[in-house]
């Protein structure tokens, strides 16, 4: 099939956008803390203090256990609509560039990378590029889909069009926002029209 809009690159985050990391991590945290899962609220803020985490060291300990012992990045559920709309966008010629910062704890990068690739393949997620990096503004995308507040703010401060995938950690982030992949798709198509109009 001829790719009509290959020049438009979508920078797509994984955790909280494609994969339900908070849902899976909540299950693992209940086990880690030996608490009933109902005691851990679903609505959380960045840092997960609602679950009893007291800082970065606590989070890293939980995260290391989740990835190395419970295959976090391979066992997350797909957020509904992810596959449907990314495949649709891919068929329409958009270049999908997965961008994730999963290599931030030392000495288990190979596990994190392998689980990520396995998850993408097992869930049938189309992509052309897979980037593991913190500086997401350096990957050269035209449209970003992101949920982490500090990343959204950084990208927007760089003048980069960024759709906030809405969840409880980013309620204060302004439009453009989307609660579903259907809404993401509509925002991308609107932005495509704008980008195409600038090149005509």
Protein backbone atom coordinates (compact mmCIF):
# COMPACT_ATOMS: atom_id res chain seq x y z
CA UNK A 1 0.00 0.00 0.00
CA UNK A 2 1.32 3.45 -0.85
CA UNK A 3 2.07 5.49 2.24
CA UNK A 4 0.53 8.93 1.77
CA UNK A 5 1.71 10.79 4.87
CA UNK A 6 4.98 9.15 5.82
CA UNK A 7 6.47 12.53 6.57
CA UNK A 8 4.22 12.90 9.61
CA UNK A 9 5.85 11.16 12.58
CA UNK A 10 3.82 10.24 15.66
CA UNK A 11 5.84 10.10 18.89
CA UNK A 12 3.87 7.63 21.01
CA UNK A 13 4.57 6.98 24.69
CA UNK A 14 3.92 3.48 26.04
CA UNK A 15 3.13 3.46 29.77
CA UNK A 16 -0.13 5.24 30.48
CA UNK A 17 -0.83 5.73 26.77
CA UNK A 18 -0.68 2.30 25.15
CA UNK A 19 -0.14 0.06 28.18
CA UNK A 20 -2.04 0.26 31.46
CA UNK A 21 1.04 0.43 33.68
CA UNK A 22 -0.80 1.83 36.69
CA UNK A 23 -3.37 -0.96 36.59
CA UNK A 24 -0.74 -3.72 36.51
CA UNK A 25 1.59 -1.97 38.96
CA UNK A 26 -1.30 -1.65 41.41
CA UNK A 27 -1.68 -5.44 41.40
CA UNK A 28 2.04 -5.92 41.96
CA UNK A 29 2.17 -3.22 44.66
CA UNK A 30 -0.57 -4.98 46.61
CA UNK A 31 1.57 -8.11 46.59
CA UNK A 32 4.78 -6.16 47.38
CA UNK A 33 3.24 -4.39 50.39
CA UNK A 34 1.13 -7.43 51.38
CA UNK A 35 -2.04 -5.37 51.39
CA UNK A 36 -5.50 -6.05 49.96
CA UNK A 37 -5.65 -4.51 46.51
CA UNK A 38 -8.83 -2.62 47.44
CA UNK A 39 -6.72 -0.56 49.86
CA UNK A 40 -4.73 0.86 46.94
CA UNK A 41 -6.75 3.55 45.13
CA UNK A 42 -6.97 3.50 41.36
CA UNK A 43 -6.77 7.28 41.18
CA UNK A 44 -3.15 8.23 41.89
CA UNK A 45 -0.76 11.12 41.46
CA UNK A 46 2.73 10.97 40.00
CA UNK A 47 4.98 9.17 42.51
CA UNK A 48 2.20 6.92 43.84
CA UNK A 49 2.16 8.33 47.37
CA UNK A 50 -1.46 7.13 47.63
CA UNK A 51 -0.09 3.56 47.80
CA UNK A 52 2.35 4.38 50.58
CA UNK A 53 5.48 5.06 48.53
CA UNK A 54 7.58 7.65 50.34
CA UNK A 55 10.02 8.68 47.64
CA UNK A 56 12.25 7.68 44.74
CA UNK A 57 13.97 4.84 46.63
CA UNK A 58 10.63 3.20 47.43
CA UNK A 59 9.52 3.54 43.82
CA UNK A 60 12.75 2.07 42.46
CA UNK A 61 12.49 -0.93 44.78
CA UNK A 62 8.92 -1.62 43.71
CA UNK A 63 9.74 -1.00 40.06
CA UNK A 64 12.76 -3.34 40.10
CA UNK A 65 10.65 -6.12 41.66
CA UNK A 66 7.81 -5.49 39.20
CA UNK A 67 10.04 -5.71 36.12
CA UNK A 68 12.48 -8.44 37.14
CA UNK A 69 10.13 -10.71 39.11
CA UNK A 70 6.68 -10.02 37.69
CA UNK A 71 7.40 -9.09 34.02
CA UNK A 72 5.73 -5.70 34.38
CA UNK A 73 6.42 -4.49 30.85
CA UNK A 74 5.21 -7.77 29.33
CA UNK A 75 2.14 -8.32 31.51
CA UNK A 76 0.48 -4.89 31.31
CA UNK A 77 -2.93 -4.83 29.67
CA UNK A 78 -3.33 -2.83 26.49
CA UNK A 79 -5.34 0.36 26.84
CA UNK A 80 -8.51 -0.13 24.75
CA UNK A 81 -8.31 1.29 21.24
CA UNK A 82 -4.51 1.35 21.08
CA UNK A 83 -4.12 -1.36 18.45
CA UNK A 84 -7.19 -0.33 16.45
CA UNK A 85 -6.22 3.30 16.03
CA UNK A 86 -2.46 2.86 15.68
CA UNK A 87 -3.06 0.32 12.92
CA UNK A 88 -5.50 2.70 11.28
CA UNK A 89 -3.00 5.55 11.47
CA UNK A 90 -0.23 3.30 10.16
CA UNK A 91 -2.42 2.24 7.23
CA UNK A 92 -3.07 5.91 6.51
CA UNK A 93 0.66 6.49 6.20
CA UNK A 94 1.69 7.98 9.54
CA UNK A 95 5.09 6.89 10.82
CA UNK A 96 4.69 5.52 14.34
CA UNK A 97 7.68 6.08 16.57
CA UNK A 98 7.39 4.49 20.01
CA UNK A 99 9.25 6.56 22.61
CA UNK A 100 9.65 5.26 26.15
CA UNK A 101 11.94 5.99 29.09
CA UNK A 102 12.13 2.52 30.59
CA UNK A 103 15.91 2.36 31.06
CA UNK A 104 16.17 4.50 34.18
CA UNK A 105 17.21 1.83 36.70
CA UNK A 106 20.66 0.36 36.21
CA UNK A 107 21.61 -3.21 35.31
CA UNK A 108 18.43 -4.70 33.87
CA UNK A 109 18.12 -2.88 30.57
CA UNK A 110 18.11 -6.09 28.52
CA UNK A 111 15.09 -7.39 30.45
CA UNK A 112 13.21 -4.11 30.01
CA UNK A 113 13.93 -3.97 26.27
CA UNK A 114 12.98 -7.61 25.67
CA UNK A 115 9.72 -7.30 27.61
CA UNK A 116 8.86 -4.16 25.64
CA UNK A 117 9.44 -5.76 22.25
CA UNK A 118 7.52 -8.88 23.30
CA UNK A 119 4.57 -6.78 24.50
CA UNK A 120 4.43 -4.75 21.28
CA UNK A 121 4.53 -7.89 19.13
CA UNK A 122 2.06 -9.89 21.22
CA UNK A 123 -0.44 -7.02 21.15
CA UNK A 124 -0.04 -6.38 17.42
CA UNK A 125 1.10 -2.78 17.81
CA UNK A 126 2.50 -1.35 14.55
CA UNK A 127 5.60 0.83 14.72
CA UNK A 128 8.56 1.81 12.58
CA UNK A 129 10.92 3.04 15.28
CA UNK A 130 11.46 2.13 18.94
CA UNK A 131 13.32 4.71 21.04
CA UNK A 132 14.39 4.20 24.66
CA UNK A 133 15.24 7.68 25.85
CA UNK A 134 14.40 10.35 28.39
CA UNK A 135 14.81 13.38 26.09
CA UNK A 136 11.70 12.80 24.03
CA UNK A 137 11.97 16.18 22.34
CA UNK A 138 15.07 14.89 20.55
CA UNK A 139 13.35 12.19 18.49
CA UNK A 140 11.95 14.43 15.77
CA UNK A 141 8.22 13.70 15.90
CA UNK A 142 5.56 16.07 14.56
CA UNK A 143 2.87 14.97 17.03
CA UNK A 144 3.43 13.52 20.50
CA UNK A 145 1.04 11.46 22.63
CA UNK A 146 2.17 11.50 26.27
CA UNK A 147 0.74 11.20 29.79
CA UNK A 148 3.57 12.20 32.15
CA UNK A 149 3.06 15.84 33.21
CA UNK A 150 6.73 16.87 33.20
CA UNK A 151 7.25 15.36 29.74
CA UNK A 152 4.18 17.13 28.35
CA UNK A 153 5.32 20.44 29.79
CA UNK A 154 8.84 20.00 28.41
CA UNK A 155 7.60 19.09 24.94
CA UNK A 156 5.11 21.96 24.82
CA UNK A 157 7.74 24.39 26.09
CA UNK A 158 9.83 23.33 23.09
CA UNK A 159 6.94 24.30 20.84
CA UNK A 160 6.06 20.67 20.04
CA UNK A 161 2.41 19.69 19.56
CA UNK A 162 1.62 17.24 22.37
CA UNK A 163 -1.65 15.46 23.11
CA UNK A 164 -2.12 14.74 26.81
CA UNK A 165 -3.52 11.23 27.29
CA UNK A 166 -5.69 11.97 30.31
CA UNK A 167 -5.42 10.13 33.61
CA UNK A 168 -5.39 11.01 37.31
CA UNK A 169 -1.71 12.03 37.26
CA UNK A 170 -2.23 14.89 34.79
CA UNK A 171 -5.62 16.41 35.59
CA UNK A 172 -4.18 19.94 35.60
CA UNK A 173 -2.62 19.70 32.14
CA UNK A 174 -4.45 21.84 29.59
CA UNK A 175 -5.79 20.98 26.14
CA UNK A 176 -5.25 19.25 23.83
CA UNK A 177 -6.33 16.30 25.98
CA UNK A 178 -7.83 12.93 25.14
CA UNK A 179 -9.42 10.32 27.38
CA UNK A 180 -9.64 7.64 24.69
CA UNK A 181 -7.75 6.56 21.59
CA UNK A 182 -10.76 7.56 19.52
CA UNK A 183 -10.29 11.12 20.74
CA UNK A 184 -6.53 10.88 20.10
CA UNK A 185 -7.25 9.88 16.52
CA UNK A 186 -9.52 12.88 15.94
CA UNK A 187 -6.90 15.27 17.34
CA UNK A 188 -4.20 13.73 15.15
CA UNK A 189 -6.35 14.11 12.04
CA UNK A 190 -7.06 17.73 12.91
CA UNK A 191 -3.35 18.38 13.36
CA UNK A 192 -2.62 16.59 10.08
CA UNK A 193 -4.89 19.04 8.26
CA UNK A 194 -3.01 21.94 9.82
CA UNK A 195 0.41 20.50 8.95
CA UNK A 196 -0.64 19.76 5.37
CA UNK A 197 -2.04 23.28 4.98
CA UNK A 198 1.32 24.72 5.98
CA UNK A 199 3.12 22.81 3.22
CA UNK A 200 0.69 23.50 0.38
